[in-house]
Amino acid sequence: MADNILHATDADFASKTAQGVVLVDFYADWCGPCRMLAPILEKAAAKLHGKATVLKVNTDEAGQTAGHLRITSIPTMIIYKEGKEVSRHVGIKDEKGLLSWIESHL
């Protein structure tokens, strides 16, 4: 796991998305597309260091948060800005598309 990627649980999700721009990846270890997205997120996190936070949430371990946010398909990525959801995407994006999407909210 890249040093620039953080993890959140039900207990700390709100505090970890409260400030700045945060890209949250909702995933599960058994999810094939989620595993395909992981290296793309690692590259993006390195390029966004200091500008945005990349946060991963395992839906099997943080079911309360996933349920509250109505995460029904994974991977689902949500961009938060100052604690508010500003954009959501279900599925995979390539690195260029992912960076462009996040940078549009910086």
N, C-alpha and C. Protein backbone atom coordinates (compact mmCIF):
# COMPACT_ATOMS: atom_id res chain seq x y z
N MET A 1 0.85 -1.18 0.00
CA MET A 1 0.00 0.00 0.00
C MET A 1 0.89 1.24 0.00
N ALA A 2 0.52 2.18 -0.80
CA ALA A 2 1.30 3.42 -0.90
C ALA A 2 1.21 4.21 0.41
N ASP A 3 2.29 4.88 0.73
CA ASP A 3 2.33 5.69 1.94
C ASP A 3 1.34 6.85 1.89
N ASN A 4 0.96 7.26 0.69
CA ASN A 4 0.08 8.41 0.53
C ASN A 4 -1.40 8.05 0.62
N ILE A 5 -1.72 6.78 0.83
CA ILE A 5 -3.11 6.35 0.91
C ILE A 5 -3.44 6.00 2.36
N LEU A 6 -4.51 6.60 2.86
CA LEU A 6 -4.97 6.35 4.22
C LEU A 6 -6.15 5.38 4.19
N HIS A 7 -6.48 4.83 5.34
CA HIS A 7 -7.64 3.96 5.48
C HIS A 7 -8.59 4.56 6.51
N ALA A 8 -9.88 4.33 6.33
CA ALA A 8 -10.88 4.82 7.27
C ALA A 8 -11.79 3.68 7.70
N THR A 9 -12.34 3.83 8.89
CA THR A 9 -13.30 2.89 9.45
C THR A 9 -14.61 3.65 9.70
N ASP A 10 -15.62 2.93 10.17
CA ASP A 10 -16.86 3.61 10.56
C ASP A 10 -16.58 4.69 11.60
N ALA A 11 -15.67 4.39 12.52
CA ALA A 11 -15.40 5.30 13.64
C ALA A 11 -14.72 6.60 13.24
N ASP A 12 -13.86 6.57 12.21
CA ASP A 12 -13.10 7.78 11.89
C ASP A 12 -13.38 8.35 10.49
N PHE A 13 -14.37 7.82 9.79
CA PHE A 13 -14.65 8.28 8.43
C PHE A 13 -14.96 9.79 8.40
N ALA A 14 -15.85 10.25 9.26
CA ALA A 14 -16.25 11.67 9.24
C ALA A 14 -15.06 12.58 9.49
N SER A 15 -14.21 12.23 10.43
CA SER A 15 -13.07 13.11 10.74
C SER A 15 -12.05 13.10 9.61
N LYS A 16 -11.89 11.98 8.92
CA LYS A 16 -10.90 11.91 7.84
C LYS A 16 -11.38 12.55 6.54
N THR A 17 -12.67 12.83 6.41
CA THR A 17 -13.18 13.50 5.21
C THR A 17 -13.59 14.94 5.49
N ALA A 18 -13.32 15.43 6.69
CA ALA A 18 -13.83 16.74 7.12
C ALA A 18 -13.10 17.93 6.51
N GLN A 19 -11.81 17.78 6.16
CA GLN A 19 -11.05 18.93 5.71
C GLN A 19 -10.38 18.67 4.37
N GLY A 20 -10.32 19.71 3.56
CA GLY A 20 -9.64 19.62 2.27
C GLY A 20 -10.42 18.80 1.26
N VAL A 21 -9.71 18.39 0.21
CA VAL A 21 -10.28 17.54 -0.83
C VAL A 21 -9.82 16.11 -0.56
N VAL A 22 -10.80 15.20 -0.47
CA VAL A 22 -10.52 13.81 -0.15
C VAL A 22 -11.21 12.92 -1.17
N LEU A 23 -10.42 12.08 -1.83
CA LEU A 23 -10.98 11.05 -2.72
C LEU A 23 -11.12 9.79 -1.90
N VAL A 24 -12.35 9.28 -1.79
CA VAL A 24 -12.61 8.07 -1.02
C VAL A 24 -12.91 6.94 -1.99
N ASP A 25 -12.17 5.85 -1.85
CA ASP A 25 -12.38 4.65 -2.66
C ASP A 25 -13.04 3.60 -1.76
N PHE A 26 -14.28 3.24 -2.08
CA PHE A 26 -14.98 2.17 -1.39
C PHE A 26 -14.69 0.88 -2.14
N TYR A 27 -14.15 -0.11 -1.43
CA TYR A 27 -13.68 -1.33 -2.07
C TYR A 27 -13.90 -2.53 -1.16
N ALA A 28 -13.60 -3.71 -1.67
CA ALA A 28 -13.54 -4.94 -0.88
C ALA A 28 -12.38 -5.77 -1.41
N ASP A 29 -11.76 -6.54 -0.53
CA ASP A 29 -10.61 -7.35 -0.94
C ASP A 29 -10.95 -8.37 -2.01
N TRP A 30 -12.18 -8.86 -2.04
CA TRP A 30 -12.59 -9.89 -2.99
C TRP A 30 -13.00 -9.33 -4.35
N CYS A 31 -13.04 -8.02 -4.49
CA CYS A 31 -13.55 -7.35 -5.70
C CYS A 31 -12.45 -7.22 -6.75
N GLY A 32 -12.60 -7.91 -7.88
CA GLY A 32 -11.63 -7.85 -8.97
C GLY A 32 -11.40 -6.45 -9.51
N PRO A 33 -12.46 -5.73 -9.89
CA PRO A 33 -12.25 -4.36 -10.39
C PRO A 33 -11.59 -3.45 -9.35
N CYS A 34 -11.86 -3.69 -8.07
CA CYS A 34 -11.22 -2.90 -7.01
C CYS A 34 -9.71 -3.14 -7.01
N ARG A 35 -9.32 -4.39 -7.20
CA ARG A 35 -7.88 -4.72 -7.25
C ARG A 35 -7.24 -4.09 -8.49
N MET A 36 -7.98 -3.99 -9.59
CA MET A 36 -7.45 -3.34 -10.80
C MET A 36 -7.26 -1.84 -10.57
N LEU A 37 -8.13 -1.24 -9.77
CA LEU A 37 -8.07 0.19 -9.51
C LEU A 37 -6.95 0.56 -8.54
N ALA A 38 -6.57 -0.36 -7.67
CA ALA A 38 -5.59 -0.06 -6.61
C ALA A 38 -4.29 0.56 -7.11
N PRO A 39 -3.62 0.00 -8.13
CA PRO A 39 -2.36 0.64 -8.58
C PRO A 39 -2.58 2.01 -9.21
N ILE A 40 -3.73 2.23 -9.81
CA ILE A 40 -4.06 3.54 -10.38
C ILE A 40 -4.20 4.56 -9.26
N LEU A 41 -4.87 4.15 -8.18
CA LEU A 41 -5.01 5.03 -7.02
C LEU A 41 -3.67 5.35 -6.38
N GLU A 42 -2.79 4.35 -6.33
CA GLU A 42 -1.47 4.58 -5.74
C GLU A 42 -0.69 5.62 -6.54
N LYS A 43 -0.72 5.53 -7.85
CA LYS A 43 -0.03 6.51 -8.69
C LYS A 43 -0.66 7.90 -8.52
N ALA A 44 -1.99 7.94 -8.51
CA ALA A 44 -2.68 9.22 -8.35
C ALA A 44 -2.36 9.84 -6.99
N ALA A 45 -2.35 9.02 -5.94
CA ALA A 45 -2.07 9.52 -4.59
C ALA A 45 -0.68 10.16 -4.53
N ALA A 46 0.29 9.55 -5.18
CA ALA A 46 1.64 10.11 -5.20
C ALA A 46 1.66 11.47 -5.90
N LYS A 47 0.92 11.59 -7.00
CA LYS A 47 0.90 12.84 -7.75
C LYS A 47 0.09 13.93 -7.04
N LEU A 48 -0.87 13.53 -6.21
CA LEU A 48 -1.73 14.49 -5.53
C LEU A 48 -1.23 14.86 -4.14
N HIS A 49 -0.11 14.28 -3.73
CA HIS A 49 0.41 14.50 -2.37
C HIS A 49 0.51 15.99 -2.08
N GLY A 50 -0.10 16.41 -0.98
CA GLY A 50 -0.10 17.81 -0.60
C GLY A 50 -1.26 18.61 -1.16
N LYS A 51 -1.97 18.05 -2.15
CA LYS A 51 -3.10 18.74 -2.75
C LYS A 51 -4.43 18.11 -2.37
N ALA A 52 -4.44 16.78 -2.28
CA ALA A 52 -5.66 16.04 -1.95
C ALA A 52 -5.26 14.77 -1.21
N THR A 53 -6.19 14.22 -0.46
CA THR A 53 -5.98 12.98 0.28
C THR A 53 -6.70 11.86 -0.42
N VAL A 54 -6.07 10.68 -0.48
CA VAL A 54 -6.73 9.48 -1.00
C VAL A 54 -6.97 8.57 0.19
N LEU A 55 -8.23 8.17 0.33
CA LEU A 55 -8.69 7.40 1.48
C LEU A 55 -9.40 6.16 0.99
N LYS A 56 -9.07 5.00 1.55
CA LYS A 56 -9.74 3.76 1.17
C LYS A 56 -10.63 3.29 2.32
N VAL A 57 -11.82 2.79 1.95
CA VAL A 57 -12.77 2.27 2.92
C VAL A 57 -13.19 0.88 2.47
N ASN A 58 -12.88 -0.12 3.29
CA ASN A 58 -13.26 -1.50 3.00
C ASN A 58 -14.72 -1.66 3.40
N THR A 59 -15.59 -1.91 2.42
CA THR A 59 -17.03 -1.97 2.68
C THR A 59 -17.40 -3.17 3.56
N ASP A 60 -16.58 -4.22 3.57
CA ASP A 60 -16.85 -5.36 4.45
C ASP A 60 -16.57 -5.02 5.91
N GLU A 61 -15.66 -4.10 6.13
CA GLU A 61 -15.29 -3.72 7.50
C GLU A 61 -15.98 -2.45 7.98
N ALA A 62 -16.44 -1.63 7.05
CA ALA A 62 -17.10 -0.36 7.39
C ALA A 62 -18.50 -0.34 6.78
N GLY A 63 -19.26 -1.36 7.09
CA GLY A 63 -20.60 -1.52 6.50
C GLY A 63 -21.57 -0.42 6.88
N GLN A 64 -21.41 0.13 8.08
CA GLN A 64 -22.31 1.20 8.51
C GLN A 64 -22.13 2.43 7.62
N THR A 65 -20.89 2.81 7.37
CA THR A 65 -20.62 3.97 6.51
C THR A 65 -21.08 3.70 5.09
N ALA A 66 -20.76 2.52 4.56
CA ALA A 66 -21.16 2.17 3.19
C ALA A 66 -22.68 2.19 3.05
N GLY A 67 -23.37 1.66 4.04
CA GLY A 67 -24.83 1.65 4.00
C GLY A 67 -25.41 3.04 4.07
N HIS A 68 -24.88 3.86 4.97
CA HIS A 68 -25.35 5.24 5.13
C HIS A 68 -25.20 6.03 3.84
N LEU A 69 -24.11 5.77 3.11
CA LEU A 69 -23.84 6.49 1.86
C LEU A 69 -24.43 5.81 0.64
N ARG A 70 -25.16 4.73 0.87
CA ARG A 70 -25.83 3.98 -0.20
C ARG A 70 -24.85 3.47 -1.25
N ILE A 71 -23.75 2.89 -0.78
CA ILE A 71 -22.78 2.27 -1.69
C ILE A 71 -23.33 0.89 -2.04
N THR A 72 -23.78 0.74 -3.28
CA THR A 72 -24.37 -0.54 -3.70
C THR A 72 -23.51 -1.28 -4.71
N SER A 73 -22.54 -0.61 -5.29
CA SER A 73 -21.61 -1.23 -6.23
C SER A 73 -20.21 -0.75 -5.89
N ILE A 74 -19.25 -1.65 -6.07
CA ILE A 74 -17.86 -1.26 -5.85
C ILE A 74 -17.03 -1.66 -7.06
N PRO A 75 -15.99 -0.92 -7.37
CA PRO A 75 -15.54 0.26 -6.63
C PRO A 75 -16.45 1.47 -6.86
N THR A 76 -16.67 2.21 -5.80
CA THR A 76 -17.31 3.52 -5.87
C THR A 76 -16.32 4.52 -5.30
N MET A 77 -16.12 5.61 -6.01
CA MET A 77 -15.24 6.67 -5.53
C MET A 77 -16.08 7.94 -5.32
N ILE A 78 -15.85 8.58 -4.20
CA ILE A 78 -16.54 9.83 -3.87
C ILE A 78 -15.49 10.88 -3.55
N ILE A 79 -15.69 12.07 -4.10
CA ILE A 79 -14.83 13.20 -3.75
C ILE A 79 -15.56 14.05 -2.72
N TYR A 80 -14.87 14.29 -1.61
CA TYR A 80 -15.38 15.17 -0.55
C TYR A 80 -14.55 16.45 -0.56
N LYS A 81 -15.22 17.55 -0.34
CA LYS A 81 -14.54 18.84 -0.19
C LYS A 81 -15.08 19.47 1.09
N GLU A 82 -14.18 19.67 2.05
CA GLU A 82 -14.54 20.23 3.36
C GLU A 82 -15.72 19.47 3.99
N GLY A 83 -15.69 18.15 3.87
CA GLY A 83 -16.68 17.30 4.52
C GLY A 83 -17.96 17.05 3.75
N LYS A 84 -18.11 17.66 2.59
CA LYS A 84 -19.33 17.51 1.79
C LYS A 84 -19.03 16.72 0.52
N GLU A 85 -19.92 15.80 0.17
CA GLU A 85 -19.77 15.06 -1.09
C GLU A 85 -20.00 16.02 -2.25
N VAL A 86 -19.03 16.04 -3.19
CA VAL A 86 -19.17 16.93 -4.36
C VAL A 86 -19.25 16.16 -5.67
N SER A 87 -18.82 14.89 -5.67
CA SER A 87 -18.87 14.11 -6.91
C SER A 87 -18.75 12.63 -6.56
N ARG A 88 -19.35 11.78 -7.43
CA ARG A 88 -19.34 10.33 -7.20
C ARG A 88 -19.16 9.63 -8.54
N HIS A 89 -18.40 8.54 -8.52
CA HIS A 89 -18.19 7.73 -9.72
C HIS A 89 -18.18 6.26 -9.32
N VAL A 90 -18.93 5.46 -10.07
CA VAL A 90 -18.95 4.01 -9.85
C VAL A 90 -18.16 3.37 -10.97
N GLY A 91 -17.20 2.51 -10.60
CA GLY A 91 -16.38 1.83 -11.60
C GLY A 91 -14.96 2.35 -11.61
N ILE A 92 -14.24 1.95 -12.64
CA ILE A 92 -12.82 2.28 -12.75
C ILE A 92 -12.63 3.50 -13.64
N LYS A 93 -11.63 4.29 -13.33
CA LYS A 93 -11.16 5.36 -14.20
C LYS A 93 -9.67 5.10 -14.44
N ASP A 94 -9.18 5.48 -15.62
CA ASP A 94 -7.74 5.37 -15.83
C ASP A 94 -7.06 6.52 -15.08
N GLU A 95 -5.74 6.47 -15.00
CA GLU A 95 -5.01 7.46 -14.20
C GLU A 95 -5.27 8.89 -14.66
N LYS A 96 -5.22 9.11 -15.96
CA LYS A 96 -5.43 10.46 -16.49
C LYS A 96 -6.84 10.96 -16.16
N GLY A 97 -7.83 10.10 -16.35
CA GLY A 97 -9.21 10.49 -16.06
C GLY A 97 -9.43 10.72 -14.57
N LEU A 98 -8.80 9.89 -13.75
CA LEU A 98 -8.93 10.03 -12.30
C LEU A 98 -8.31 11.34 -11.84
N LEU A 99 -7.11 11.64 -12.29
CA LEU A 99 -6.44 12.88 -11.91
C LEU A 99 -7.22 14.10 -12.38
N SER A 100 -7.72 14.06 -13.59
CA SER A 100 -8.49 15.17 -14.12
C SER A 100 -9.75 15.40 -13.28
N TRP A 101 -10.42 14.31 -12.91
CA TRP A 101 -11.65 14.39 -12.11
C TRP A 101 -11.36 15.02 -10.75
N ILE A 102 -10.32 14.55 -10.09
CA ILE A 102 -9.98 15.09 -8.77
C ILE A 102 -9.54 16.54 -8.88
N GLU A 103 -8.66 16.83 -9.83
CA GLU A 103 -8.13 18.19 -9.97
C GLU A 103 -9.23 19.20 -10.28
N SER A 104 -10.31 18.77 -10.88
CA SER A 104 -11.42 19.69 -11.17
C SER A 104 -12.12 20.15 -9.89
N HIS A 105 -11.82 19.50 -8.77
CA HIS A 105 -12.43 19.88 -7.48
C HIS A 105 -11.44 20.49 -6.50
N LEU A 106 -10.21 20.73 -6.97
CA LEU A 106 -9.20 21.33 -6.08
C LEU A 106 -9.41 22.85 -5.98
